Amino acid sequence: MFAPLADFRARVDEMIREVKDIPPAEGFTEVLVAGEPEERAKAENDVLGIPLMPPLAASLRRLAEQMAYPFPAPIGR
């Protein structure tokens, strides 16, 4: 019922190339496929840390102070 894995991967790779060859919509610089925004966000988070909303960061900072645990300084963003 299924194609061999190598054939399936080749077909998916071709489909991705075809999609990425489509001109981007006005106001955009490229066409992304599923997973690309998440991969980029993960790579950025690996370097800069996970962004926290200010109220959450403040709550975690207070909790860290109550437990006498050093709260790391914000980085990057």
PDB file of N, CA and C in Angstrom:
ATOM      1  N   MET A   1       0.820  -1.201   0.000  1.00  0.00           N
ATOM      2  CA  MET A   1       0.000   0.000   0.000  1.00  0.00           C
ATOM      3  C   MET A   1       0.862   1.262   0.000  1.00  0.00           C
ATOM      4  N   PHE A   2       2.065   1.199   0.552  1.00  0.00           N
ATOM      5  CA  PHE A   2       2.913   2.377   0.628  1.00  0.00           C
ATOM      6  C   PHE A   2       4.089   2.240  -0.334  1.00  0.00           C
ATOM      7  N   ALA A   3       4.601   3.362  -0.757  1.00  0.00           N
ATOM      8  CA  ALA A   3       5.791   3.364  -1.613  1.00  0.00           C
ATOM      9  C   ALA A   3       7.018   3.072  -0.748  1.00  0.00           C
ATOM     10  N   PRO A   4       8.084   2.587  -1.349  1.00  0.00           N
ATOM     11  CA  PRO A   4       9.322   2.424  -0.588  1.00  0.00           C
ATOM     12  C   PRO A   4       9.742   3.772   0.020  1.00  0.00           C
ATOM     13  N   LEU A   5      10.368   3.721   1.181  1.00  0.00           N
ATOM     14  CA  LEU A   5      10.719   4.937   1.904  1.00  0.00           C
ATOM     15  C   LEU A   5      11.553   5.900   1.062  1.00  0.00           C
ATOM     16  N   ALA A   6      12.524   5.390   0.339  1.00  0.00           N
ATOM     17  CA  ALA A   6      13.375   6.268  -0.484  1.00  0.00           C
ATOM     18  C   ALA A   6      12.551   6.990  -1.546  1.00  0.00           C
ATOM     19  N   ASP A   7      11.600   6.290  -2.149  1.00  0.00           N
ATOM     20  CA  ASP A   7      10.729   6.925  -3.157  1.00  0.00           C
ATOM     21  C   ASP A   7       9.846   7.987  -2.514  1.00  0.00           C
ATOM     22  N   PHE A   8       9.290   7.664  -1.360  1.00  0.00           N
ATOM     23  CA  PHE A   8       8.443   8.623  -0.650  1.00  0.00           C
ATOM     24  C   PHE A   8       9.225   9.890  -0.321  1.00  0.00           C
ATOM     25  N   ARG A   9      10.428   9.723   0.225  1.00  0.00           N
ATOM     26  CA  ARG A   9      11.253  10.889   0.579  1.00  0.00           C
ATOM     27  C   ARG A   9      11.592  11.719  -0.654  1.00  0.00           C
ATOM     28  N   ALA A  10      11.899  11.069  -1.751  1.00  0.00           N
ATOM     29  CA  ALA A  10      12.214  11.789  -2.991  1.00  0.00           C
ATOM     30  C   ALA A  10      11.010  12.588  -3.467  1.00  0.00           C
ATOM     31  N   ARG A  11       9.820  11.999  -3.367  1.00  0.00           N
ATOM     32  CA  ARG A  11       8.599  12.710  -3.787  1.00  0.00           C
ATOM     33  C   ARG A  11       8.327  13.902  -2.867  1.00  0.00           C
ATOM     34  N   VAL A  12       8.522  13.726  -1.583  1.00  0.00           N
ATOM     35  CA  VAL A  12       8.308  14.833  -0.648  1.00  0.00           C
ATOM     36  C   VAL A  12       9.330  15.946  -0.910  1.00  0.00           C
ATOM     37  N   ASP A  13      10.583  15.584  -1.122  1.00  0.00           N
ATOM     38  CA  ASP A  13      11.612  16.588  -1.425  1.00  0.00           C
ATOM     39  C   ASP A  13      11.255  17.368  -2.686  1.00  0.00           C
ATOM     40  N   GLU A  14      10.778  16.681  -3.698  1.00  0.00           N
ATOM     41  CA  GLU A  14      10.380  17.347  -4.951  1.00  0.00           C
ATOM     42  C   GLU A  14       9.206  18.289  -4.701  1.00  0.00           C
ATOM     43  N   MET A  15       8.232  17.835  -3.922  1.00  0.00           N
ATOM     44  CA  MET A  15       7.079  18.681  -3.607  1.00  0.00           C
ATOM     45  C   MET A  15       7.525  19.944  -2.865  1.00  0.00           C
ATOM     46  N   ILE A  16       8.443  19.796  -1.918  1.00  0.00           N
ATOM     47  CA  ILE A  16       8.944  20.952  -1.169  1.00  0.00           C
ATOM     48  C   ILE A  16       9.646  21.916  -2.128  1.00  0.00           C
ATOM     49  N   ARG A  17      10.462  21.398  -3.049  1.00  0.00           N
ATOM     50  CA  ARG A  17      11.134  22.273  -4.024  1.00  0.00           C
ATOM     51  C   ARG A  17      10.107  23.028  -4.864  1.00  0.00           C
ATOM     52  N   GLU A  18       9.063  22.339  -5.295  1.00  0.00           N
ATOM     53  CA  GLU A  18       8.030  22.983  -6.101  1.00  0.00           C
ATOM     54  C   GLU A  18       7.314  24.079  -5.318  1.00  0.00           C
ATOM     55  N   VAL A  19       6.988  23.803  -4.078  1.00  0.00           N
ATOM     56  CA  VAL A  19       6.304  24.799  -3.244  1.00  0.00           C
ATOM     57  C   VAL A  19       7.209  26.008  -3.019  1.00  0.00           C
ATOM     58  N   LYS A  20       8.478  25.769  -2.733  1.00  0.00           N
ATOM     59  CA  LYS A  20       9.393  26.873  -2.439  1.00  0.00           C
ATOM     60  C   LYS A  20       9.739  27.683  -3.689  1.00  0.00           C
ATOM     61  N   ASP A  21       9.495  27.114  -4.875  1.00  0.00           N
ATOM     62  CA  ASP A  21       9.712  27.850  -6.125  1.00  0.00           C
ATOM     63  C   ASP A  21       8.564  28.811  -6.448  1.00  0.00           C
ATOM     64  N   ILE A  22       7.462  28.697  -5.737  1.00  0.00           N
ATOM     65  CA  ILE A  22       6.326  29.594  -5.949  1.00  0.00           C
ATOM     66  C   ILE A  22       6.730  30.991  -5.477  1.00  0.00           C
ATOM     67  N   PRO A  23       6.439  32.027  -6.274  1.00  0.00           N
ATOM     68  CA  PRO A  23       6.759  33.385  -5.816  1.00  0.00           C
ATOM     69  C   PRO A  23       6.003  33.706  -4.524  1.00  0.00           C
ATOM     70  N   PRO A  24       6.678  34.344  -3.571  1.00  0.00           N
ATOM     71  CA  PRO A  24       5.995  34.672  -2.312  1.00  0.00           C
ATOM     72  C   PRO A  24       4.914  35.735  -2.522  1.00  0.00           C
ATOM     73  N   ALA A  25       3.947  35.708  -1.641  1.00  0.00           N
ATOM     74  CA  ALA A  25       2.879  36.701  -1.675  1.00  0.00           C
ATOM     75  C   ALA A  25       3.465  38.083  -1.391  1.00  0.00           C
ATOM     76  N   GLU A  26       2.750  39.091  -1.822  1.00  0.00           N
ATOM     77  CA  GLU A  26       3.192  40.468  -1.589  1.00  0.00           C
ATOM     78  C   GLU A  26       3.421  40.699  -0.089  1.00  0.00           C
ATOM     79  N   GLY A  27       4.556  41.307   0.215  1.00  0.00           N
ATOM     80  CA  GLY A  27       4.895  41.583   1.602  1.00  0.00           C
ATOM     81  C   GLY A  27       5.719  40.494   2.259  1.00  0.00           C
ATOM     82  N   PHE A  28       5.978  39.405   1.535  1.00  0.00           N
ATOM     83  CA  PHE A  28       6.775  38.304   2.070  1.00  0.00           C
ATOM     84  C   PHE A  28       8.010  38.100   1.203  1.00  0.00           C
ATOM     85  N   THR A  29       9.051  37.549   1.797  1.00  0.00           N
ATOM     86  CA  THR A  29      10.298  37.369   1.062  1.00  0.00           C
ATOM     87  C   THR A  29      10.523  35.927   0.620  1.00  0.00           C
ATOM     88  N   GLU A  30       9.779  34.977   1.197  1.00  0.00           N
ATOM     89  CA  GLU A  30       9.952  33.579   0.818  1.00  0.00           C
ATOM     90  C   GLU A  30       8.731  32.765   1.192  1.00  0.00           C
ATOM     91  N   VAL A  31       8.632  31.611   0.587  1.00  0.00           N
ATOM     92  CA  VAL A  31       7.576  30.647   0.919  1.00  0.00           C
ATOM     93  C   VAL A  31       8.171  29.643   1.892  1.00  0.00           C
ATOM     94  N   LEU A  32       7.478  29.424   2.990  1.00  0.00           N
ATOM     95  CA  LEU A  32       7.926  28.458   3.993  1.00  0.00           C
ATOM     96  C   LEU A  32       7.051  27.221   3.931  1.00  0.00           C
ATOM     97  N   VAL A  33       7.622  26.091   4.300  1.00  0.00           N
ATOM     98  CA  VAL A  33       6.851  24.856   4.391  1.00  0.00           C
ATOM     99  C   VAL A  33       6.670  24.507   5.867  1.00  0.00           C
ATOM    100  N   ALA A  34       5.778  23.574   6.106  1.00  0.00           N
ATOM    101  CA  ALA A  34       5.472  23.173   7.480  1.00  0.00           C
ATOM    102  C   ALA A  34       6.748  22.819   8.239  1.00  0.00           C
ATOM    103  N   GLY A  35       6.866  23.382   9.423  1.00  0.00           N
ATOM    104  CA  GLY A  35       8.008  23.093  10.285  1.00  0.00           C
ATOM    105  C   GLY A  35       9.124  24.117  10.209  1.00  0.00           C
ATOM    106  N   GLU A  36       9.233  24.856   9.105  1.00  0.00           N
ATOM    107  CA  GLU A  36      10.327  25.829   8.983  1.00  0.00           C
ATOM    108  C   GLU A  36      10.247  26.953  10.019  1.00  0.00           C
ATOM    109  N   PRO A  37       9.076  27.564  10.243  1.00  0.00           N
ATOM    110  CA  PRO A  37       9.046  28.603  11.271  1.00  0.00           C
ATOM    111  C   PRO A  37       9.454  28.067  12.649  1.00  0.00           C
ATOM    112  N   GLU A  38       9.027  26.843  12.944  1.00  0.00           N
ATOM    113  CA  GLU A  38       9.359  26.247  14.241  1.00  0.00           C
ATOM    114  C   GLU A  38      10.852  25.940  14.344  1.00  0.00           C
ATOM    115  N   GLU A  39      11.441  25.449  13.262  1.00  0.00           N
ATOM    116  CA  GLU A  39      12.882  25.185  13.264  1.00  0.00           C
ATOM    117  C   GLU A  39      13.667  26.470  13.487  1.00  0.00           C
ATOM    118  N   ARG A  40      13.242  27.541  12.845  1.00  0.00           N
ATOM    119  CA  ARG A  40      13.928  28.828  13.005  1.00  0.00           C
ATOM    120  C   ARG A  40      13.775  29.364  14.425  1.00  0.00           C
ATOM    121  N   ALA A  41      12.571  29.232  14.969  1.00  0.00           N
ATOM    122  CA  ALA A  41      12.347  29.690  16.343  1.00  0.00           C
ATOM    123  C   ALA A  41      13.197  28.890  17.322  1.00  0.00           C
ATOM    124  N   LYS A  42      13.296  27.591  17.118  1.00  0.00           N
ATOM    125  CA  LYS A  42      14.112  26.757  18.000  1.00  0.00           C
ATOM    126  C   LYS A  42      15.572  27.158  17.918  1.00  0.00           C
ATOM    127  N   ALA A  43      16.076  27.385  16.715  1.00  0.00           N
ATOM    128  CA  ALA A  43      17.473  27.790  16.555  1.00  0.00           C
ATOM    129  C   ALA A  43      17.728  29.122  17.269  1.00  0.00           C
ATOM    130  N   GLU A  44      16.787  30.054  17.143  1.00  0.00           N
ATOM    131  CA  GLU A  44      16.930  31.346  17.829  1.00  0.00           C
ATOM    132  C   GLU A  44      16.872  31.163  19.342  1.00  0.00           C
ATOM    133  N   ASN A  45      15.944  30.323  19.812  1.00  0.00           N
ATOM    134  CA  ASN A  45      15.823  30.076  21.251  1.00  0.00           C
ATOM    135  C   ASN A  45      17.056  29.374  21.806  1.00  0.00           C
ATOM    136  N   ASP A  46      17.684  28.510  21.004  1.00  0.00           N
ATOM    137  CA  ASP A  46      18.910  27.836  21.448  1.00  0.00           C
ATOM    138  C   ASP A  46      20.014  28.847  21.729  1.00  0.00           C
ATOM    139  N   VAL A  47      20.033  29.938  20.971  1.00  0.00           N
ATOM    140  CA  VAL A  47      21.062  30.964  21.133  1.00  0.00           C
ATOM    141  C   VAL A  47      20.653  32.006  22.178  1.00  0.00           C
ATOM    142  N   LEU A  48      19.406  32.479  22.087  1.00  0.00           N
ATOM    143  CA  LEU A  48      18.973  33.616  22.906  1.00  0.00           C
ATOM    144  C   LEU A  48      18.171  33.234  24.142  1.00  0.00           C
ATOM    145  N   GLY A  49      17.791  31.984  24.252  1.00  0.00           N
ATOM    146  CA  GLY A  49      16.941  31.567  25.366  1.00  0.00           C
ATOM    147  C   GLY A  49      15.476  31.636  24.968  1.00  0.00           C
ATOM    148  N   ILE A  50      14.640  31.044  25.795  1.00  0.00           N
ATOM    149  CA  ILE A  50      13.195  31.014  25.534  1.00  0.00           C
ATOM    150  C   ILE A  50      12.591  32.325  26.006  1.00  0.00           C
ATOM    151  N   PRO A  51      11.876  33.024  25.118  1.00  0.00           N
ATOM    152  CA  PRO A  51      11.278  34.301  25.532  1.00  0.00           C
ATOM    153  C   PRO A  51      10.151  34.072  26.540  1.00  0.00           C
ATOM    154  N   LEU A  52      10.114  34.908  27.550  1.00  0.00           N
ATOM    155  CA  LEU A  52       9.054  34.858  28.558  1.00  0.00           C
ATOM    156  C   LEU A  52       8.291  36.164  28.556  1.00  0.00           C
ATOM    157  N   MET A  53       6.979  36.086  28.713  1.00  0.00           N
ATOM    158  CA  MET A  53       6.177  37.293  28.855  1.00  0.00           C
ATOM    159  C   MET A  53       6.576  37.948  30.170  1.00  0.00           C
ATOM    160  N   PRO A  54       6.612  39.274  30.208  1.00  0.00           N
ATOM    161  CA  PRO A  54       7.047  39.965  31.431  1.00  0.00           C
ATOM    162  C   PRO A  54       6.333  39.526  32.708  1.00  0.00           C
ATOM    163  N   PRO A  55       5.004  39.328  32.715  1.00  0.00           N
ATOM    164  CA  PRO A  55       4.368  38.880  33.964  1.00  0.00           C
ATOM    165  C   PRO A  55       4.876  37.517  34.434  1.00  0.00           C
ATOM    166  N   LEU A  56       5.116  36.599  33.507  1.00  0.00           N
ATOM    167  CA  LEU A  56       5.627  35.280  33.879  1.00  0.00           C
ATOM    168  C   LEU A  56       7.050  35.400  34.408  1.00  0.00           C
ATOM    169  N   ALA A  57       7.875  36.195  33.751  1.00  0.00           N
ATOM    170  CA  ALA A  57       9.252  36.381  34.212  1.00  0.00           C
ATOM    171  C   ALA A  57       9.257  36.974  35.622  1.00  0.00           C
ATOM    172  N   ALA A  58       8.392  37.949  35.876  1.00  0.00           N
ATOM    173  CA  ALA A  58       8.322  38.566  37.203  1.00  0.00           C
ATOM    174  C   ALA A  58       7.890  37.545  38.247  1.00  0.00           C
ATOM    175  N   SER A  59       6.921  36.717  37.905  1.00  0.00           N
ATOM    176  CA  SER A  59       6.451  35.693  38.839  1.00  0.00           C
ATOM    177  C   SER A  59       7.561  34.683  39.139  1.00  0.00           C
ATOM    178  N   LEU A  60       8.270  34.257  38.120  1.00  0.00           N
ATOM    179  CA  LEU A  60       9.377  33.318  38.326  1.00  0.00           C
ATOM    180  C   LEU A  60      10.506  33.959  39.134  1.00  0.00           C
ATOM    181  N   ARG A  61      10.752  35.248  38.876  1.00  0.00           N
ATOM    182  CA  ARG A  61      11.792  35.952  39.635  1.00  0.00           C
ATOM    183  C   ARG A  61      11.433  36.003  41.123  1.00  0.00           C
ATOM    184  N   ARG A  62      10.153  36.319  41.433  1.00  0.00           N
ATOM    185  CA  ARG A  62       9.703  36.359  42.837  1.00  0.00           C
ATOM    186  C   ARG A  62       9.842  34.977  43.485  1.00  0.00           C
ATOM    187  N   LEU A  63       9.447  33.946  42.768  1.00  0.00           N
ATOM    188  CA  LEU A  63       9.542  32.588  43.291  1.00  0.00           C
ATOM    189  C   LEU A  63      11.004  32.218  43.543  1.00  0.00           C
ATOM    190  N   ALA A  64      11.877  32.564  42.625  1.00  0.00           N
ATOM    191  CA  ALA A  64      13.305  32.284  42.802  1.00  0.00           C
ATOM    192  C   ALA A  64      13.842  33.008  44.032  1.00  0.00           C
ATOM    193  N   GLU A  65      13.430  34.263  44.230  1.00  0.00           N
ATOM    194  CA  GLU A  65      13.880  35.019  45.408  1.00  0.00           C
ATOM    195  C   GLU A  65      13.401  34.347  46.689  1.00  0.00           C
ATOM    196  N   GLN A  66      12.144  33.888  46.714  1.00  0.00           N
ATOM    197  CA  GLN A  66      11.599  33.218  47.899  1.00  0.00           C
ATOM    198  C   GLN A  66      12.377  31.949  48.221  1.00  0.00           C
ATOM    199  N   MET A  67      12.898  31.299  47.212  1.00  0.00           N
ATOM    200  CA  MET A  67      13.620  30.045  47.410  1.00  0.00           C
ATOM    201  C   MET A  67      15.134  30.265  47.473  1.00  0.00           C
ATOM    202  N   ALA A  68      15.542  31.527  47.487  1.00  0.00           N
ATOM    203  CA  ALA A  68      16.963  31.886  47.509  1.00  0.00           C
ATOM    204  C   ALA A  68      17.724  31.217  46.360  1.00  0.00           C
ATOM    205  N   TYR A  69      17.090  31.227  45.193  1.00  0.00           N
ATOM    206  CA  TYR A  69      17.704  30.641  44.004  1.00  0.00           C
ATOM    207  C   TYR A  69      18.017  31.765  43.025  1.00  0.00           C
ATOM    208  N   PRO A  70      19.221  31.803  42.483  1.00  0.00           N
ATOM    209  CA  PRO A  70      19.565  32.900  41.571  1.00  0.00           C
ATOM    210  C   PRO A  70      18.758  32.814  40.271  1.00  0.00           C
ATOM    211  N   PHE A  71      18.092  33.884  39.946  1.00  0.00           N
ATOM    212  CA  PHE A  71      17.317  33.954  38.707  1.00  0.00           C
ATOM    213  C   PHE A  71      18.217  34.501  37.614  1.00  0.00           C
ATOM    214  N   PRO A  72      18.376  33.792  36.507  1.00  0.00           N
ATOM    215  CA  PRO A  72      19.293  34.259  35.472  1.00  0.00           C
ATOM    216  C   PRO A  72      18.851  35.584  34.864  1.00  0.00           C
ATOM    217  N   ALA A  73      19.827  36.377  34.499  1.00  0.00           N
ATOM    218  CA  ALA A  73      19.540  37.647  33.836  1.00  0.00           C
ATOM    219  C   ALA A  73      19.051  37.385  32.417  1.00  0.00           C
ATOM    220  N   PRO A  74      18.180  38.240  31.913  1.00  0.00           N
ATOM    221  CA  PRO A  74      17.717  38.068  30.530  1.00  0.00           C
ATOM    222  C   PRO A  74      18.887  38.191  29.562  1.00  0.00           C
ATOM    223  N   ILE A  75      18.798  37.464  28.455  1.00  0.00           N
ATOM    224  CA  ILE A  75      19.837  37.551  27.429  1.00  0.00           C
ATOM    225  C   ILE A  75      19.220  37.846  26.080  1.00  0.00           C
ATOM    226  N   GLY A  76      19.967  38.513  25.264  1.00  0.00           N
ATOM    227  CA  GLY A  76      19.692  38.604  23.847  1.00  0.00           C
ATOM    228  C   GLY A  76      18.547  39.436  23.318  1.00  0.00           C
ATOM    229  N   ARG A  77      17.370  39.231  23.715  1.00  0.00           N
ATOM    230  CA  ARG A  77      16.219  39.792  22.998  1.00  0.00           C
ATOM    231  C   ARG A  77      16.000  41.226  23.275  1.00  0.00           C
TER     232      ARG A  77
END
